[in-house]
């Protein structure tokens, strides 16, 4: 996570859609779980991502299918990208295909 990130400075009014649920992972458990799965997800990454250099994944997207559930580790995503601003076009394309019922 970015140095200085804190729950107290997150703008609560940023994402107000009722479908959005906000979580805060102070210990970076989720980011570490995704980072530990990196080698199993390489074939699903957006083209030309950067190589993560932190101790946890952050600033990334993970696109999953409806019904995917966590067990001991995160489910393999349909696609993922890091950092999100460099891979957001792939996210939109893969999301459109997923909604249309086409495997990304």
PDB file of N, CA and C in Angstrom:
ATOM      1  N   UNK A   1       0.843  -1.177   0.000  1.00  0.00           N
ATOM      2  CA  UNK A   1       0.000   0.000   0.000  1.00  0.00           C
ATOM      3  C   UNK A   1       0.882   1.232   0.000  1.00  0.00           C
ATOM      4  N   UNK A   2       0.310   2.299  -0.416  1.00  0.00           N
ATOM      5  CA  UNK A   2       1.034   3.553  -0.482  1.00  0.00           C
ATOM      6  C   UNK A   2       1.387   4.046   0.912  1.00  0.00           C
ATOM      7  N   UNK A   3       2.629   4.468   1.149  1.00  0.00           N
ATOM      8  CA  UNK A   3       2.979   4.995   2.471  1.00  0.00           C
ATOM      9  C   UNK A   3       2.046   6.143   2.863  1.00  0.00           C
ATOM     10  N   UNK A   4       1.562   6.090   4.059  1.00  0.00           N
ATOM     11  CA  UNK A   4       0.658   7.132   4.536  1.00  0.00           C
ATOM     12  C   UNK A   4      -0.807   6.802   4.371  1.00  0.00           C
ATOM     13  N   UNK A   5      -1.124   5.670   3.683  1.00  0.00           N
ATOM     14  CA  UNK A   5      -2.527   5.277   3.571  1.00  0.00           C
ATOM     15  C   UNK A   5      -3.092   5.046   4.965  1.00  0.00           C
ATOM     16  N   UNK A   6      -4.238   5.575   5.194  1.00  0.00           N
ATOM     17  CA  UNK A   6      -4.905   5.389   6.487  1.00  0.00           C
ATOM     18  C   UNK A   6      -6.407   5.444   6.287  1.00  0.00           C
ATOM     19  N   UNK A   7      -7.117   4.631   7.008  1.00  0.00           N
ATOM     20  CA  UNK A   7      -8.574   4.601   6.917  1.00  0.00           C
ATOM     21  C   UNK A   7      -9.166   5.987   7.171  1.00  0.00           C
ATOM     22  N   UNK A   8      -8.566   6.729   8.094  1.00  0.00           N
ATOM     23  CA  UNK A   8      -9.102   8.032   8.486  1.00  0.00           C
ATOM     24  C   UNK A   8      -9.038   9.070   7.366  1.00  0.00           C
ATOM     25  N   UNK A   9      -8.214   8.860   6.358  1.00  0.00           N
ATOM     26  CA  UNK A   9      -8.126   9.840   5.267  1.00  0.00           C
ATOM     27  C   UNK A   9      -8.837   9.370   3.995  1.00  0.00           C
ATOM     28  N   UNK A  10      -9.447   8.174   4.031  1.00  0.00           N
ATOM     29  CA  UNK A  10     -10.187   7.682   2.870  1.00  0.00           C
ATOM     30  C   UNK A  10     -11.468   8.490   2.718  1.00  0.00           C
ATOM     31  N   UNK A  11     -11.713   9.079   1.556  1.00  0.00           N
ATOM     32  CA  UNK A  11     -12.930   9.880   1.355  1.00  0.00           C
ATOM     33  C   UNK A  11     -14.177   8.986   1.237  1.00  0.00           C
ATOM     34  N   UNK A  12     -14.970   8.944   2.272  1.00  0.00           N
ATOM     35  CA  UNK A  12     -16.146   8.073   2.314  1.00  0.00           C
ATOM     36  C   UNK A  12     -17.134   8.352   1.190  1.00  0.00           C
ATOM     37  N   UNK A  13     -17.160   9.567   0.681  1.00  0.00           N
ATOM     38  CA  UNK A  13     -18.102   9.934  -0.370  1.00  0.00           C
ATOM     39  C   UNK A  13     -17.592   9.573  -1.764  1.00  0.00           C
ATOM     40  N   UNK A  14     -16.443   8.934  -1.863  1.00  0.00           N
ATOM     41  CA  UNK A  14     -15.862   8.624  -3.167  1.00  0.00           C
ATOM     42  C   UNK A  14     -16.670   7.584  -3.938  1.00  0.00           C
ATOM     43  N   UNK A  15     -17.062   6.510  -3.284  1.00  0.00           N
ATOM     44  CA  UNK A  15     -17.832   5.444  -3.935  1.00  0.00           C
ATOM     45  C   UNK A  15     -19.103   5.235  -3.123  1.00  0.00           C
ATOM     46  N   UNK A  16     -20.199   5.807  -3.590  1.00  0.00           N
ATOM     47  CA  UNK A  16     -21.425   5.791  -2.794  1.00  0.00           C
ATOM     48  C   UNK A  16     -22.504   4.863  -3.352  1.00  0.00           C
ATOM     49  N   UNK A  17     -22.225   4.152  -4.421  1.00  0.00           N
ATOM     50  CA  UNK A  17     -23.185   3.204  -4.977  1.00  0.00           C
ATOM     51  C   UNK A  17     -23.540   2.181  -3.891  1.00  0.00           C
ATOM     52  N   UNK A  18     -24.817   1.856  -3.706  1.00  0.00           N
ATOM     53  CA  UNK A  18     -25.198   0.921  -2.640  1.00  0.00           C
ATOM     54  C   UNK A  18     -24.620  -0.486  -2.820  1.00  0.00           C
ATOM     55  N   UNK A  19     -24.143  -0.820  -4.009  1.00  0.00           N
ATOM     56  CA  UNK A  19     -23.527  -2.133  -4.234  1.00  0.00           C
ATOM     57  C   UNK A  19     -22.077  -2.182  -3.775  1.00  0.00           C
ATOM     58  N   UNK A  20     -21.503  -1.022  -3.464  1.00  0.00           N
ATOM     59  CA  UNK A  20     -20.102  -0.944  -3.049  1.00  0.00           C
ATOM     60  C   UNK A  20     -20.003  -1.204  -1.551  1.00  0.00           C
ATOM     61  N   UNK A  21     -19.083  -2.083  -1.200  1.00  0.00           N
ATOM     62  CA  UNK A  21     -18.800  -2.354   0.210  1.00  0.00           C
ATOM     63  C   UNK A  21     -17.342  -1.986   0.440  1.00  0.00           C
ATOM     64  N   UNK A  22     -17.092  -1.164   1.435  1.00  0.00           N
ATOM     65  CA  UNK A  22     -15.736  -0.734   1.748  1.00  0.00           C
ATOM     66  C   UNK A  22     -15.131  -1.627   2.829  1.00  0.00           C
ATOM     67  N   UNK A  23     -13.927  -2.079   2.593  1.00  0.00           N
ATOM     68  CA  UNK A  23     -13.168  -2.831   3.587  1.00  0.00           C
ATOM     69  C   UNK A  23     -11.815  -2.153   3.740  1.00  0.00           C
ATOM     70  N   UNK A  24     -11.189  -2.314   4.866  1.00  0.00           N
ATOM     71  CA  UNK A  24      -9.858  -1.765   5.084  1.00  0.00           C
ATOM     72  C   UNK A  24      -8.974  -2.885   5.603  1.00  0.00           C
ATOM     73  N   UNK A  25      -7.878  -3.131   4.960  1.00  0.00           N
ATOM     74  CA  UNK A  25      -6.985  -4.245   5.275  1.00  0.00           C
ATOM     75  C   UNK A  25      -5.674  -3.697   5.820  1.00  0.00           C
ATOM     76  N   UNK A  26      -5.719  -3.245   7.046  1.00  0.00           N
ATOM     77  CA  UNK A  26      -4.559  -2.600   7.676  1.00  0.00           C
ATOM     78  C   UNK A  26      -3.301  -3.461   7.601  1.00  0.00           C
ATOM     79  N   UNK A  27      -3.448  -4.766   7.783  1.00  0.00           N
ATOM     80  CA  UNK A  27      -2.279  -5.658   7.796  1.00  0.00           C
ATOM     81  C   UNK A  27      -1.887  -6.139   6.401  1.00  0.00           C
ATOM     82  N   UNK A  28      -2.650  -5.772   5.385  1.00  0.00           N
ATOM     83  CA  UNK A  28      -2.386  -6.140   3.990  1.00  0.00           C
ATOM     84  C   UNK A  28      -2.502  -7.636   3.730  1.00  0.00           C
ATOM     85  N   UNK A  29      -3.354  -8.315   4.496  1.00  0.00           N
ATOM     86  CA  UNK A  29      -3.530  -9.758   4.331  1.00  0.00           C
ATOM     87  C   UNK A  29      -4.021 -10.117   2.934  1.00  0.00           C
ATOM     88  N   UNK A  30      -4.971  -9.357   2.414  1.00  0.00           N
ATOM     89  CA  UNK A  30      -5.520  -9.650   1.079  1.00  0.00           C
ATOM     90  C   UNK A  30      -4.456  -9.426   0.006  1.00  0.00           C
ATOM     91  N   UNK A  31      -3.747  -8.325   0.082  1.00  0.00           N
ATOM     92  CA  UNK A  31      -2.684  -8.049  -0.886  1.00  0.00           C
ATOM     93  C   UNK A  31      -1.582  -9.085  -0.851  1.00  0.00           C
ATOM     94  N   UNK A  32      -1.263  -9.575   0.321  1.00  0.00           N
ATOM     95  CA  UNK A  32      -0.239 -10.627   0.442  1.00  0.00           C
ATOM     96  C   UNK A  32      -0.756 -11.945  -0.123  1.00  0.00           C
ATOM     97  N   UNK A  33      -2.036 -12.220   0.079  1.00  0.00           N
ATOM     98  CA  UNK A  33      -2.622 -13.452  -0.467  1.00  0.00           C
ATOM     99  C   UNK A  33      -2.564 -13.431  -1.988  1.00  0.00           C
ATOM    100  N   UNK A  34      -2.910 -12.317  -2.597  1.00  0.00           N
ATOM    101  CA  UNK A  34      -2.835 -12.226  -4.060  1.00  0.00           C
ATOM    102  C   UNK A  34      -1.392 -12.292  -4.541  1.00  0.00           C
ATOM    103  N   UNK A  35      -0.476 -11.655  -3.837  1.00  0.00           N
ATOM    104  CA  UNK A  35       0.931 -11.702  -4.231  1.00  0.00           C
ATOM    105  C   UNK A  35       1.459 -13.133  -4.163  1.00  0.00           C
ATOM    106  N   UNK A  36       1.033 -13.894  -3.168  1.00  0.00           N
ATOM    107  CA  UNK A  36       1.498 -15.279  -3.052  1.00  0.00           C
ATOM    108  C   UNK A  36       0.963 -16.152  -4.190  1.00  0.00           C
ATOM    109  N   UNK A  37      -0.119 -15.740  -4.839  1.00  0.00           N
ATOM    110  CA  UNK A  37      -0.719 -16.479  -5.953  1.00  0.00           C
ATOM    111  C   UNK A  37      -0.205 -16.023  -7.321  1.00  0.00           C
ATOM    112  N   UNK A  38       0.704 -15.069  -7.334  1.00  0.00           N
ATOM    113  CA  UNK A  38       1.123 -14.423  -8.577  1.00  0.00           C
ATOM    114  C   UNK A  38       1.555 -15.418  -9.652  1.00  0.00           C
ATOM    115  N   UNK A  39       2.352 -16.409  -9.311  1.00  0.00           N
ATOM    116  CA  UNK A  39       2.841 -17.334 -10.335  1.00  0.00           C
ATOM    117  C   UNK A  39       1.712 -18.157 -10.950  1.00  0.00           C
ATOM    118  N   UNK A  40       0.651 -18.419 -10.207  1.00  0.00           N
ATOM    119  CA  UNK A  40      -0.464 -19.197 -10.758  1.00  0.00           C
ATOM    120  C   UNK A  40      -1.392 -18.338 -11.608  1.00  0.00           C
ATOM    121  N   UNK A  41      -1.226 -17.017 -11.535  1.00  0.00           N
ATOM    122  CA  UNK A  41      -2.109 -16.100 -12.262  1.00  0.00           C
ATOM    123  C   UNK A  41      -1.443 -15.463 -13.472  1.00  0.00           C
ATOM    124  N   UNK A  42      -0.184 -15.755 -13.742  1.00  0.00           N
ATOM    125  CA  UNK A  42       0.553 -15.039 -14.789  1.00  0.00           C
ATOM    126  C   UNK A  42      -0.112 -15.119 -16.152  1.00  0.00           C
ATOM    127  N   UNK A  43      -0.725 -16.254 -16.490  1.00  0.00           N
ATOM    128  CA  UNK A  43      -1.346 -16.397 -17.804  1.00  0.00           C
ATOM    129  C   UNK A  43      -2.658 -15.628 -17.923  1.00  0.00           C
ATOM    130  N   UNK A  44      -3.127 -15.022 -16.853  1.00  0.00           N
ATOM    131  CA  UNK A  44      -4.384 -14.286 -16.846  1.00  0.00           C
ATOM    132  C   UNK A  44      -4.187 -12.778 -16.722  1.00  0.00           C
ATOM    133  N   UNK A  45      -2.959 -12.324 -16.780  1.00  0.00           N
ATOM    134  CA  UNK A  45      -2.704 -10.901 -16.557  1.00  0.00           C
ATOM    135  C   UNK A  45      -2.922 -10.085 -17.822  1.00  0.00           C
ATOM    136  N   UNK A  46      -3.215  -8.819 -17.604  1.00  0.00           N
ATOM    137  CA  UNK A  46      -3.382  -7.878 -18.714  1.00  0.00           C
ATOM    138  C   UNK A  46      -2.039  -7.728 -19.427  1.00  0.00           C
ATOM    139  N   UNK A  47      -2.058  -7.420 -20.711  1.00  0.00           N
ATOM    140  CA  UNK A  47      -0.806  -7.216 -21.437  1.00  0.00           C
ATOM    141  C   UNK A  47      -0.001  -6.052 -20.847  1.00  0.00           C
ATOM    142  N   UNK A  48       1.290  -6.241 -20.805  1.00  0.00           N
ATOM    143  CA  UNK A  48       2.245  -5.203 -20.407  1.00  0.00           C
ATOM    144  C   UNK A  48       2.074  -4.656 -18.992  1.00  0.00           C
ATOM    145  N   UNK A  49       1.789  -5.513 -18.011  1.00  0.00           N
ATOM    146  CA  UNK A  49       1.711  -4.976 -16.649  1.00  0.00           C
ATOM    147  C   UNK A  49       3.120  -4.753 -16.111  1.00  0.00           C
ATOM    148  N   UNK A  50       3.223  -3.976 -15.069  1.00  0.00           N
ATOM    149  CA  UNK A  50       4.492  -3.839 -14.373  1.00  0.00           C
ATOM    150  C   UNK A  50       4.664  -5.045 -13.455  1.00  0.00           C
ATOM    151  N   UNK A  51       5.879  -5.287 -13.017  1.00  0.00           N
ATOM    152  CA  UNK A  51       6.138  -6.344 -12.053  1.00  0.00           C
ATOM    153  C   UNK A  51       5.987  -5.764 -10.658  1.00  0.00           C
ATOM    154  N   UNK A  52       5.125  -6.351  -9.833  1.00  0.00           N
ATOM    155  CA  UNK A  52       4.945  -5.822  -8.478  1.00  0.00           C
ATOM    156  C   UNK A  52       6.247  -5.890  -7.696  1.00  0.00           C
ATOM    157  N   UNK A  53       6.537  -4.826  -6.962  1.00  0.00           N
ATOM    158  CA  UNK A  53       7.780  -4.762  -6.203  1.00  0.00           C
ATOM    159  C   UNK A  53       7.535  -4.565  -4.710  1.00  0.00           C
ATOM    160  N   UNK A  54       6.289  -4.541  -4.272  1.00  0.00           N
ATOM    161  CA  UNK A  54       5.965  -4.319  -2.865  1.00  0.00           C
ATOM    162  C   UNK A  54       5.802  -5.665  -2.152  1.00  0.00           C
ATOM    163  N   UNK A  55       5.530  -5.622  -0.866  1.00  0.00           N
ATOM    164  CA  UNK A  55       5.328  -6.848  -0.102  1.00  0.00           C
ATOM    165  C   UNK A  55       3.881  -7.324  -0.149  1.00  0.00           C
ATOM    166  N   UNK A  56       3.034  -6.594  -0.863  1.00  0.00           N
ATOM    167  CA  UNK A  56       1.631  -6.959  -1.022  1.00  0.00           C
ATOM    168  C   UNK A  56       1.123  -6.323  -2.311  1.00  0.00           C
ATOM    169  N   UNK A  57       0.173  -6.977  -2.963  1.00  0.00           N
ATOM    170  CA  UNK A  57      -0.426  -6.407  -4.172  1.00  0.00           C
ATOM    171  C   UNK A  57      -1.381  -5.290  -3.769  1.00  0.00           C
ATOM    172  N   UNK A  58      -1.308  -4.186  -4.475  1.00  0.00           N
ATOM    173  CA  UNK A  58      -2.243  -3.082  -4.297  1.00  0.00           C
ATOM    174  C   UNK A  58      -2.267  -2.335  -5.622  1.00  0.00           C
ATOM    175  N   UNK A  59      -3.233  -1.467  -5.786  1.00  0.00           N
ATOM    176  CA  UNK A  59      -3.379  -0.721  -7.030  1.00  0.00           C
ATOM    177  C   UNK A  59      -3.544  -1.674  -8.218  1.00  0.00           C
ATOM    178  N   UNK A  60      -4.292  -2.733  -7.996  1.00  0.00           N
ATOM    179  CA  UNK A  60      -4.492  -3.747  -9.022  1.00  0.00           C
ATOM    180  C   UNK A  60      -5.990  -4.059  -9.118  1.00  0.00           C
ATOM    181  N   UNK A  61      -6.367  -4.671 -10.245  1.00  0.00           N
ATOM    182  CA  UNK A  61      -7.737  -5.176 -10.335  1.00  0.00           C
ATOM    183  C   UNK A  61      -7.668  -6.692 -10.483  1.00  0.00           C
ATOM    184  N   UNK A  62      -8.708  -7.357  -9.999  1.00  0.00           N
ATOM    185  CA  UNK A  62      -8.879  -8.798 -10.126  1.00  0.00           C
ATOM    186  C   UNK A  62     -10.320  -9.033 -10.538  1.00  0.00           C
ATOM    187  N   UNK A  63     -10.532  -9.542 -11.714  1.00  0.00           N
ATOM    188  CA  UNK A  63     -11.867  -9.777 -12.227  1.00  0.00           C
ATOM    189  C   UNK A  63     -12.212 -11.252 -12.042  1.00  0.00           C
ATOM    190  N   UNK A  64     -13.288 -11.509 -11.309  1.00  0.00           N
ATOM    191  CA  UNK A  64     -13.708 -12.876 -11.026  1.00  0.00           C
ATOM    192  C   UNK A  64     -15.085 -13.136 -11.599  1.00  0.00           C
ATOM    193  N   UNK A  65     -15.392 -14.403 -11.753  1.00  0.00           N
ATOM    194  CA  UNK A  65     -16.719 -14.797 -12.208  1.00  0.00           C
ATOM    195  C   UNK A  65     -17.699 -14.787 -11.046  1.00  0.00           C
ATOM    196  N   UNK A  66     -18.949 -14.545 -11.364  1.00  0.00           N
ATOM    197  CA  UNK A  66     -20.015 -14.642 -10.365  1.00  0.00           C
ATOM    198  C   UNK A  66     -19.948 -16.034  -9.739  1.00  0.00           C
ATOM    199  N   UNK A  67     -20.029 -16.070  -8.445  1.00  0.00           N
ATOM    200  CA  UNK A  67     -20.015 -17.337  -7.741  1.00  0.00           C
ATOM    201  C   UNK A  67     -18.651 -17.776  -7.255  1.00  0.00           C
ATOM    202  N   UNK A  68     -17.578 -17.153  -7.742  1.00  0.00           N
ATOM    203  CA  UNK A  68     -16.248 -17.500  -7.232  1.00  0.00           C
ATOM    204  C   UNK A  68     -16.181 -17.157  -5.754  1.00  0.00           C
ATOM    205  N   UNK A  69     -15.625 -18.056  -4.972  1.00  0.00           N
ATOM    206  CA  UNK A  69     -15.536 -17.856  -3.521  1.00  0.00           C
ATOM    207  C   UNK A  69     -14.123 -18.145  -3.043  1.00  0.00           C
ATOM    208  N   UNK A  70     -13.734 -17.424  -2.014  1.00  0.00           N
ATOM    209  CA  UNK A  70     -12.452 -17.689  -1.368  1.00  0.00           C
ATOM    210  C   UNK A  70     -12.565 -18.938  -0.522  1.00  0.00           C
ATOM    211  N   UNK A  71     -11.492 -19.721  -0.485  1.00  0.00           N
ATOM    212  CA  UNK A  71     -11.379 -20.792   0.494  1.00  0.00           C
ATOM    213  C   UNK A  71     -10.119 -20.469   1.291  1.00  0.00           C
ATOM    214  N   UNK A  72      -9.076 -21.244   1.128  1.00  0.00           N
ATOM    215  CA  UNK A  72      -7.824 -20.938   1.815  1.00  0.00           C
ATOM    216  C   UNK A  72      -7.020 -19.857   1.094  1.00  0.00           C
ATOM    217  N   UNK A  73      -7.299 -19.672  -0.169  1.00  0.00           N
ATOM    218  CA  UNK A  73      -6.587 -18.663  -0.958  1.00  0.00           C
ATOM    219  C   UNK A  73      -7.578 -18.024  -1.932  1.00  0.00           C
ATOM    220  N   UNK A  74      -7.197 -16.896  -2.523  1.00  0.00           N
ATOM    221  CA  UNK A  74      -8.109 -16.248  -3.473  1.00  0.00           C
ATOM    222  C   UNK A  74      -8.385 -17.153  -4.672  1.00  0.00           C
ATOM    223  N   UNK A  75      -9.585 -17.074  -5.249  1.00  0.00           N
ATOM    224  CA  UNK A  75      -9.839 -17.834  -6.479  1.00  0.00           C
ATOM    225  C   UNK A  75      -9.014 -17.236  -7.613  1.00  0.00           C
ATOM    226  N   UNK A  76      -8.680 -18.057  -8.584  1.00  0.00           N
ATOM    227  CA  UNK A  76      -7.952 -17.528  -9.737  1.00  0.00           C
ATOM    228  C   UNK A  76      -8.856 -16.551 -10.479  1.00  0.00           C
ATOM    229  N   UNK A  77      -8.387 -15.350 -10.741  1.00  0.00           N
ATOM    230  CA  UNK A  77      -9.227 -14.383 -11.441  1.00  0.00           C
ATOM    231  C   UNK A  77      -9.333 -14.719 -12.926  1.00  0.00           C
ATOM    232  N   UNK A  78     -10.366 -14.187 -13.543  1.00  0.00           N
ATOM    233  CA  UNK A  78     -10.511 -14.283 -14.994  1.00  0.00           C
ATOM    234  C   UNK A  78      -9.391 -13.479 -15.648  1.00  0.00           C
ATOM    235  N   UNK A  79      -9.159 -12.300 -15.104  1.00  0.00           N
ATOM    236  CA  UNK A  79      -8.032 -11.473 -15.536  1.00  0.00           C
ATOM    237  C   UNK A  79      -7.652 -10.560 -14.382  1.00  0.00           C
ATOM    238  N   UNK A  80      -6.441 -10.025 -14.466  1.00  0.00           N
ATOM    239  CA  UNK A  80      -5.977  -9.090 -13.455  1.00  0.00           C
ATOM    240  C   UNK A  80      -4.974  -8.149 -14.107  1.00  0.00           C
ATOM    241  N   UNK A  81      -4.784  -7.021 -13.488  1.00  0.00           N
ATOM    242  CA  UNK A  81      -3.833  -6.060 -14.023  1.00  0.00           C
ATOM    243  C   UNK A  81      -3.236  -5.203 -12.926  1.00  0.00           C
ATOM    244  N   UNK A  82      -1.985  -4.825 -13.139  1.00  0.00           N
ATOM    245  CA  UNK A  82      -1.243  -3.982 -12.197  1.00  0.00           C
ATOM    246  C   UNK A  82      -0.291  -3.106 -12.985  1.00  0.00           C
ATOM    247  N   UNK A  83      -0.253  -1.837 -12.685  1.00  0.00           N
ATOM    248  CA  UNK A  83      -1.192  -1.067 -11.877  1.00  0.00           C
ATOM    249  C   UNK A  83      -2.479  -0.811 -12.663  1.00  0.00           C
ATOM    250  N   UNK A  84      -3.498  -0.519 -11.952  1.00  0.00           N
ATOM    251  CA  UNK A  84      -4.818  -0.438 -12.574  1.00  0.00           C
ATOM    252  C   UNK A  84      -4.896   0.663 -13.632  1.00  0.00           C
ATOM    253  N   UNK A  85      -4.222   1.769 -13.431  1.00  0.00           N
ATOM    254  CA  UNK A  85      -4.313   2.855 -14.418  1.00  0.00           C
ATOM    255  C   UNK A  85      -3.658   2.476 -15.740  1.00  0.00           C
ATOM    256  N   UNK A  86      -2.695   1.565 -15.724  1.00  0.00           N
ATOM    257  CA  UNK A  86      -2.056   1.121 -16.964  1.00  0.00           C
ATOM    258  C   UNK A  86      -2.815  -0.033 -17.611  1.00  0.00           C
ATOM    259  N   UNK A  87      -3.679  -0.710 -16.848  1.00  0.00           N
ATOM    260  CA  UNK A  87      -4.346  -1.915 -17.359  1.00  0.00           C
ATOM    261  C   UNK A  87      -5.864  -1.790 -17.369  1.00  0.00           C
ATOM    262  N   UNK A  88      -6.370  -0.600 -17.122  1.00  0.00           N
ATOM    263  CA  UNK A  88      -7.822  -0.416 -17.002  1.00  0.00           C
ATOM    264  C   UNK A  88      -8.569  -0.704 -18.295  1.00  0.00           C
ATOM    265  N   UNK A  89      -7.968  -0.469 -19.449  1.00  0.00           N
ATOM    266  CA  UNK A  89      -8.653  -0.766 -20.707  1.00  0.00           C
ATOM    267  C   UNK A  89      -8.877  -2.274 -20.863  1.00  0.00           C
ATOM    268  N   UNK A  90      -7.921  -3.074 -20.389  1.00  0.00           N
ATOM    269  CA  UNK A  90      -8.099  -4.526 -20.417  1.00  0.00           C
ATOM    270  C   UNK A  90      -9.211  -4.939 -19.461  1.00  0.00           C
ATOM    271  N   UNK A  91      -9.294  -4.293 -18.316  1.00  0.00           N
ATOM    272  CA  UNK A  91     -10.382  -4.570 -17.369  1.00  0.00           C
ATOM    273  C   UNK A  91     -11.735  -4.323 -18.027  1.00  0.00           C
ATOM    274  N   UNK A  92     -11.887  -3.201 -18.693  1.00  0.00           N
ATOM    275  CA  UNK A  92     -13.155  -2.874 -19.353  1.00  0.00           C
ATOM    276  C   UNK A  92     -13.468  -3.911 -20.433  1.00  0.00           C
ATOM    277  N   UNK A  93     -12.482  -4.260 -21.241  1.00  0.00           N
ATOM    278  CA  UNK A  93     -12.701  -5.234 -22.315  1.00  0.00           C
ATOM    279  C   UNK A  93     -13.079  -6.598 -21.748  1.00  0.00           C
ATOM    280  N   UNK A  94     -12.363  -7.056 -20.729  1.00  0.00           N
ATOM    281  CA  UNK A  94     -12.660  -8.363 -20.143  1.00  0.00           C
ATOM    282  C   UNK A  94     -13.997  -8.357 -19.416  1.00  0.00           C
ATOM    283  N   UNK A  95     -14.337  -7.275 -18.766  1.00  0.00           N
ATOM    284  CA  UNK A  95     -15.631  -7.177 -18.095  1.00  0.00           C
ATOM    285  C   UNK A  95     -16.759  -7.208 -19.114  1.00  0.00           C
ATOM    286  N   UNK A  96     -16.605  -6.492 -20.210  1.00  0.00           N
ATOM    287  CA  UNK A  96     -17.617  -6.524 -21.269  1.00  0.00           C
ATOM    288  C   UNK A  96     -17.812  -7.941 -21.791  1.00  0.00           C
ATOM    289  N   UNK A  97     -16.705  -8.679 -22.021  1.00  0.00           N
ATOM    290  CA  UNK A  97     -16.808 -10.058 -22.503  1.00  0.00           C
ATOM    291  C   UNK A  97     -17.464 -10.966 -21.464  1.00  0.00           C
ATOM    292  N   UNK A  98     -17.114 -10.767 -20.211  1.00  0.00           N
ATOM    293  CA  UNK A  98     -17.690 -11.593 -19.147  1.00  0.00           C
ATOM    294  C   UNK A  98     -19.191 -11.357 -19.048  1.00  0.00           C
ATOM    295  N   UNK A  99     -19.615 -10.109 -19.127  1.00  0.00           N
ATOM    296  CA  UNK A  99     -21.046  -9.784 -19.072  1.00  0.00           C
ATOM    297  C   UNK A  99     -21.790 -10.389 -20.273  1.00  0.00           C
ATOM    298  N   UNK A 100     -21.130 -10.396 -21.424  1.00  0.00           N
ATOM    299  CA  UNK A 100     -21.741 -10.954 -22.629  1.00  0.00           C
ATOM    300  C   UNK A 100     -21.708 -12.479 -22.650  1.00  0.00           C
ATOM    301  N   UNK A 101     -21.062 -13.092 -21.660  1.00  0.00           N
ATOM    302  CA  UNK A 101     -20.995 -14.543 -21.612  1.00  0.00           C
ATOM    303  C   UNK A 101     -19.873 -15.138 -22.445  1.00  0.00           C
ATOM    304  N   UNK A 102     -18.904 -14.311 -22.806  1.00  0.00           N
ATOM    305  CA  UNK A 102     -17.759 -14.768 -23.594  1.00  0.00           C
ATOM    306  C   UNK A 102     -16.558 -14.851 -22.652  1.00  0.00           C
ATOM    307  N   UNK A 103     -15.854 -15.960 -22.687  1.00  0.00           N
ATOM    308  CA  UNK A 103     -14.696 -16.138 -21.805  1.00  0.00           C
ATOM    309  C   UNK A 103     -13.589 -15.162 -22.205  1.00  0.00           C
ATOM    310  N   UNK A 104     -13.158 -14.300 -21.268  1.00  0.00           N
ATOM    311  CA  UNK A 104     -12.050 -13.374 -21.584  1.00  0.00           C
ATOM    312  C   UNK A 104     -10.759 -14.116 -21.820  1.00  0.00           C
TER     313      UNK A 104
END
